[in-house]
């Protein structure tokens, strides 16, 4: 290590190589631990260059896309990301995500951030629709319920009767068809809140 810095964080190319070589959870945890001190060790703007490399990797469609999104989720969870407009960047990447696994990691990050009104509307529509997909993974179901809950709590955007009906329809479908007892319970709680 260079002054205690993990070798993968010395340059964007080193980070991309590490993603291609499938880093362990422990390695990525070490990246997260060192992330906020990188500019002091490697020069101003170094962290932002690494974050750009992560965004580009997610968008590349290469096998390392998922691992880059996973790293971003862990960094976001730790409050370590320095890029401005992070929710907008991730929201844009979500639109181009070609797999549920990539969508899952991007949604993990987005659920930790604030959203613009447009993002809230679009993600709410996604949440209402995704529960009806036959091949929907459990993670997408849980994320959709979290999005619906956030929409219901959004005091700045009151719900009209059309949205309320759509929420009830999607939640009823989850209660009828979900294999997850946790998802069914969450849907029931949200239905009860809608009826208050």
Protein backbone atom coordinates (compact mmCIF):
# COMPACT_ATOMS: atom_id res chain seq x y z
CA UNK A 1 0.00 0.00 0.00
CA UNK A 2 1.09 3.57 -0.73
CA UNK A 3 0.97 5.37 2.62
CA UNK A 4 -1.74 2.98 3.77
CA UNK A 5 -3.82 3.44 0.61
CA UNK A 6 -5.10 0.23 -1.04
CA UNK A 7 -3.36 -0.24 -4.42
CA UNK A 8 -6.73 -0.37 -6.22
CA UNK A 9 -7.36 3.26 -5.25
CA UNK A 10 -4.11 4.73 -6.58
CA UNK A 11 -5.53 5.43 -10.07
CA UNK A 12 -8.80 4.94 -11.99
CA UNK A 13 -7.14 2.24 -14.12
CA UNK A 14 -6.10 0.36 -10.96
CA UNK A 15 -9.67 0.54 -9.67
CA UNK A 16 -11.07 -0.82 -12.95
CA UNK A 17 -8.51 -3.65 -12.93
CA UNK A 18 -9.53 -4.53 -9.38
CA UNK A 19 -13.22 -4.61 -10.38
CA UNK A 20 -12.45 -6.91 -13.31
CA UNK A 21 -10.55 -9.24 -10.96
CA UNK A 22 -13.59 -9.59 -8.67
CA UNK A 23 -12.68 -7.93 -5.37
CA UNK A 24 -13.76 -9.58 -2.12
CA UNK A 25 -16.21 -7.94 0.27
CA UNK A 26 -13.26 -7.30 2.62
CA UNK A 27 -11.31 -5.51 -0.14
CA UNK A 28 -14.24 -3.24 -0.97
CA UNK A 29 -14.79 -2.56 2.74
CA UNK A 30 -11.16 -1.41 2.86
CA UNK A 31 -11.79 0.92 -0.10
CA UNK A 32 -14.76 2.41 1.73
CA UNK A 33 -12.65 2.91 4.84
CA UNK A 34 -10.00 4.86 2.90
CA UNK A 35 -12.29 6.71 0.47
CA UNK A 36 -12.73 9.98 2.35
CA UNK A 37 -9.00 10.42 2.92
CA UNK A 38 -7.95 9.84 -0.69
CA UNK A 39 -7.64 13.48 -1.75
CA UNK A 40 -5.30 14.17 1.17
CA UNK A 41 -3.11 11.20 0.18
CA UNK A 42 -3.30 11.32 -3.62
CA UNK A 43 -4.12 14.92 -4.50
CA UNK A 44 -7.19 17.11 -4.90
CA UNK A 45 -9.81 15.67 -7.25
CA UNK A 46 -8.49 12.10 -7.00
CA UNK A 47 -11.67 10.80 -5.35
CA UNK A 48 -13.90 12.35 -8.01
CA UNK A 49 -11.80 10.73 -10.76
CA UNK A 50 -12.28 7.34 -9.10
CA UNK A 51 -16.02 7.95 -8.80
CA UNK A 52 -16.19 8.83 -12.50
CA UNK A 53 -14.45 5.54 -13.23
CA UNK A 54 -17.09 3.73 -11.17
CA UNK A 55 -19.94 5.49 -13.01
CA UNK A 56 -18.34 4.69 -16.38
CA UNK A 57 -17.89 1.04 -15.35
CA UNK A 58 -21.57 0.76 -14.38
CA UNK A 59 -22.56 2.23 -17.74
CA UNK A 60 -20.17 0.05 -19.74
CA UNK A 61 -22.29 -3.10 -19.77
CA UNK A 62 -19.12 -5.08 -19.01
CA UNK A 63 -19.02 -7.87 -16.40
CA UNK A 64 -17.54 -5.39 -13.90
CA UNK A 65 -20.70 -3.20 -14.12
CA UNK A 66 -22.37 -5.00 -11.26
CA UNK A 67 -19.28 -4.81 -9.05
CA UNK A 68 -18.95 -1.08 -9.71
CA UNK A 69 -22.61 -0.54 -8.75
CA UNK A 70 -22.08 -2.68 -5.65
CA UNK A 71 -19.07 -0.56 -4.66
CA UNK A 72 -21.11 2.62 -5.18
CA UNK A 73 -23.88 1.22 -2.95
CA UNK A 74 -21.41 0.48 -0.15
CA UNK A 75 -19.79 3.91 -0.53
CA UNK A 76 -23.20 5.61 -0.52
CA UNK A 77 -24.23 3.66 2.56
CA UNK A 78 -21.10 4.91 4.31
CA UNK A 79 -21.76 8.51 3.20
CA UNK A 80 -18.37 8.52 1.47
CA UNK A 81 -19.27 9.51 -2.12
CA UNK A 82 -18.13 13.03 -3.03
CA UNK A 83 -19.81 13.48 -6.43
CA UNK A 84 -22.46 16.17 -6.61
CA UNK A 85 -25.86 15.33 -8.08
CA UNK A 86 -25.39 11.71 -7.05
CA UNK A 87 -29.07 10.75 -7.17
CA UNK A 88 -29.33 12.17 -10.70
CA UNK A 89 -26.29 10.21 -11.87
CA UNK A 90 -27.57 6.95 -10.38
CA UNK A 91 -31.08 7.56 -11.66
CA UNK A 92 -29.69 7.99 -15.17
CA UNK A 93 -27.66 4.78 -14.84
CA UNK A 94 -30.75 2.94 -13.58
CA UNK A 95 -32.53 3.73 -16.86
CA UNK A 96 -29.78 1.99 -18.80
CA UNK A 97 -29.35 -0.96 -16.44
CA UNK A 98 -29.84 -4.20 -18.36
CA UNK A 99 -30.17 -6.66 -15.49
CA UNK A 100 -32.10 -6.95 -12.25
CA UNK A 101 -28.84 -7.43 -10.32
CA UNK A 102 -27.50 -4.10 -11.60
CA UNK A 103 -30.86 -2.41 -10.95
CA UNK A 104 -30.83 -3.82 -7.41
CA UNK A 105 -27.48 -2.22 -6.53
CA UNK A 106 -28.43 1.12 -8.10
CA UNK A 107 -31.76 1.10 -6.23
CA UNK A 108 -29.91 0.31 -3.00
CA UNK A 109 -27.97 3.53 -3.48
CA UNK A 110 -30.95 5.60 -4.61
CA UNK A 111 -33.03 4.56 -1.60
CA UNK A 112 -30.40 6.20 0.63
CA UNK A 113 -30.61 9.54 -1.21
CA UNK A 114 -33.16 12.32 -1.70
CA UNK A 115 -34.98 12.49 -5.04
CA UNK A 116 -36.30 15.24 -7.26
CA UNK A 117 -40.09 15.34 -7.80
CA UNK A 118 -39.58 13.91 -11.31
CA UNK A 119 -37.48 11.05 -9.96
CA UNK A 120 -40.10 10.35 -7.29
CA UNK A 121 -42.86 10.18 -9.92
CA UNK A 122 -40.85 7.95 -12.24
CA UNK A 123 -39.67 5.58 -9.52
CA UNK A 124 -43.21 5.38 -8.15
CA UNK A 125 -44.44 4.30 -11.57
CA UNK A 126 -41.65 1.70 -11.71
CA UNK A 127 -42.67 0.42 -8.28
CA UNK A 128 -46.33 0.17 -9.27
CA UNK A 129 -45.49 -1.77 -12.44
CA UNK A 130 -42.65 -4.05 -11.35
CA UNK A 131 -44.74 -6.04 -8.87
CA UNK A 132 -46.73 -7.50 -11.78
CA UNK A 133 -43.68 -8.97 -13.57
CA UNK A 134 -43.56 -12.77 -13.49
CA UNK A 135 -39.77 -13.02 -13.24
CA UNK A 136 -39.33 -10.26 -10.68
CA UNK A 137 -36.63 -11.09 -8.09
CA UNK A 138 -37.44 -10.66 -4.42
CA UNK A 139 -35.07 -7.69 -4.10
CA UNK A 140 -37.07 -5.74 -6.71
CA UNK A 141 -40.27 -6.48 -4.81
CA UNK A 142 -38.80 -5.18 -1.55
CA UNK A 143 -37.40 -2.10 -3.29
CA UNK A 144 -40.76 -1.41 -4.94
CA UNK A 145 -42.48 -1.48 -1.54
CA UNK A 146 -39.90 0.95 -0.14
CA UNK A 147 -40.52 3.30 -3.08
CA UNK A 148 -44.29 3.10 -2.54
CA UNK A 149 -43.80 3.86 1.14
CA UNK A 150 -41.63 6.87 0.32
CA UNK A 151 -44.25 8.15 -2.13
CA UNK A 152 -46.95 7.82 0.52
CA UNK A 153 -44.82 9.82 2.98
CA UNK A 154 -44.03 12.59 0.47
CA UNK A 155 -45.87 15.51 2.05
CA UNK A 156 -44.75 17.84 -0.76
CA UNK A 157 -46.65 15.73 -3.32
CA UNK A 158 -50.19 14.93 -2.19
CA UNK A 159 -51.72 11.80 -3.72
CA UNK A 160 -54.68 12.09 -6.06
CA UNK A 161 -57.38 9.42 -6.32
CA UNK A 162 -55.77 7.85 -9.40
CA UNK A 163 -52.45 7.27 -7.67
CA UNK A 164 -54.19 6.03 -4.52
CA UNK A 165 -56.12 3.48 -6.59
CA UNK A 166 -52.96 2.37 -8.42
CA UNK A 167 -51.14 1.90 -5.11
CA UNK A 168 -54.01 -0.18 -3.74
CA UNK A 169 -54.02 -2.32 -6.88
CA UNK A 170 -50.28 -3.01 -6.71
CA UNK A 171 -50.31 -3.64 -2.97
CA UNK A 172 -53.29 -6.00 -3.28
CA UNK A 173 -51.39 -7.93 -5.93
CA UNK A 174 -48.38 -8.26 -3.62
CA UNK A 175 -50.60 -9.50 -0.78
CA UNK A 176 -52.17 -12.12 -3.05
CA UNK A 177 -49.13 -13.39 -4.91
CA UNK A 178 -45.87 -12.69 -3.04
CA UNK A 179 -43.84 -15.67 -1.83
CA UNK A 180 -42.30 -13.50 0.89
CA UNK A 181 -44.18 -13.27 4.19
CA UNK A 182 -42.26 -10.06 4.93
CA UNK A 183 -43.41 -8.49 1.65
CA UNK A 184 -47.03 -9.50 2.31
CA UNK A 185 -46.88 -7.97 5.79
CA UNK A 186 -45.31 -4.76 4.45
CA UNK A 187 -47.98 -4.53 1.73
CA UNK A 188 -50.71 -4.99 4.35
CA UNK A 189 -49.26 -2.22 6.51
CA UNK A 190 -49.07 0.14 3.53
CA UNK A 191 -52.66 -0.74 2.57
CA UNK A 192 -53.77 0.11 6.10
CA UNK A 193 -51.97 3.44 5.90
CA UNK A 194 -53.70 4.20 2.60
CA UNK A 195 -57.07 3.61 4.28
CA UNK A 196 -56.40 6.03 7.15
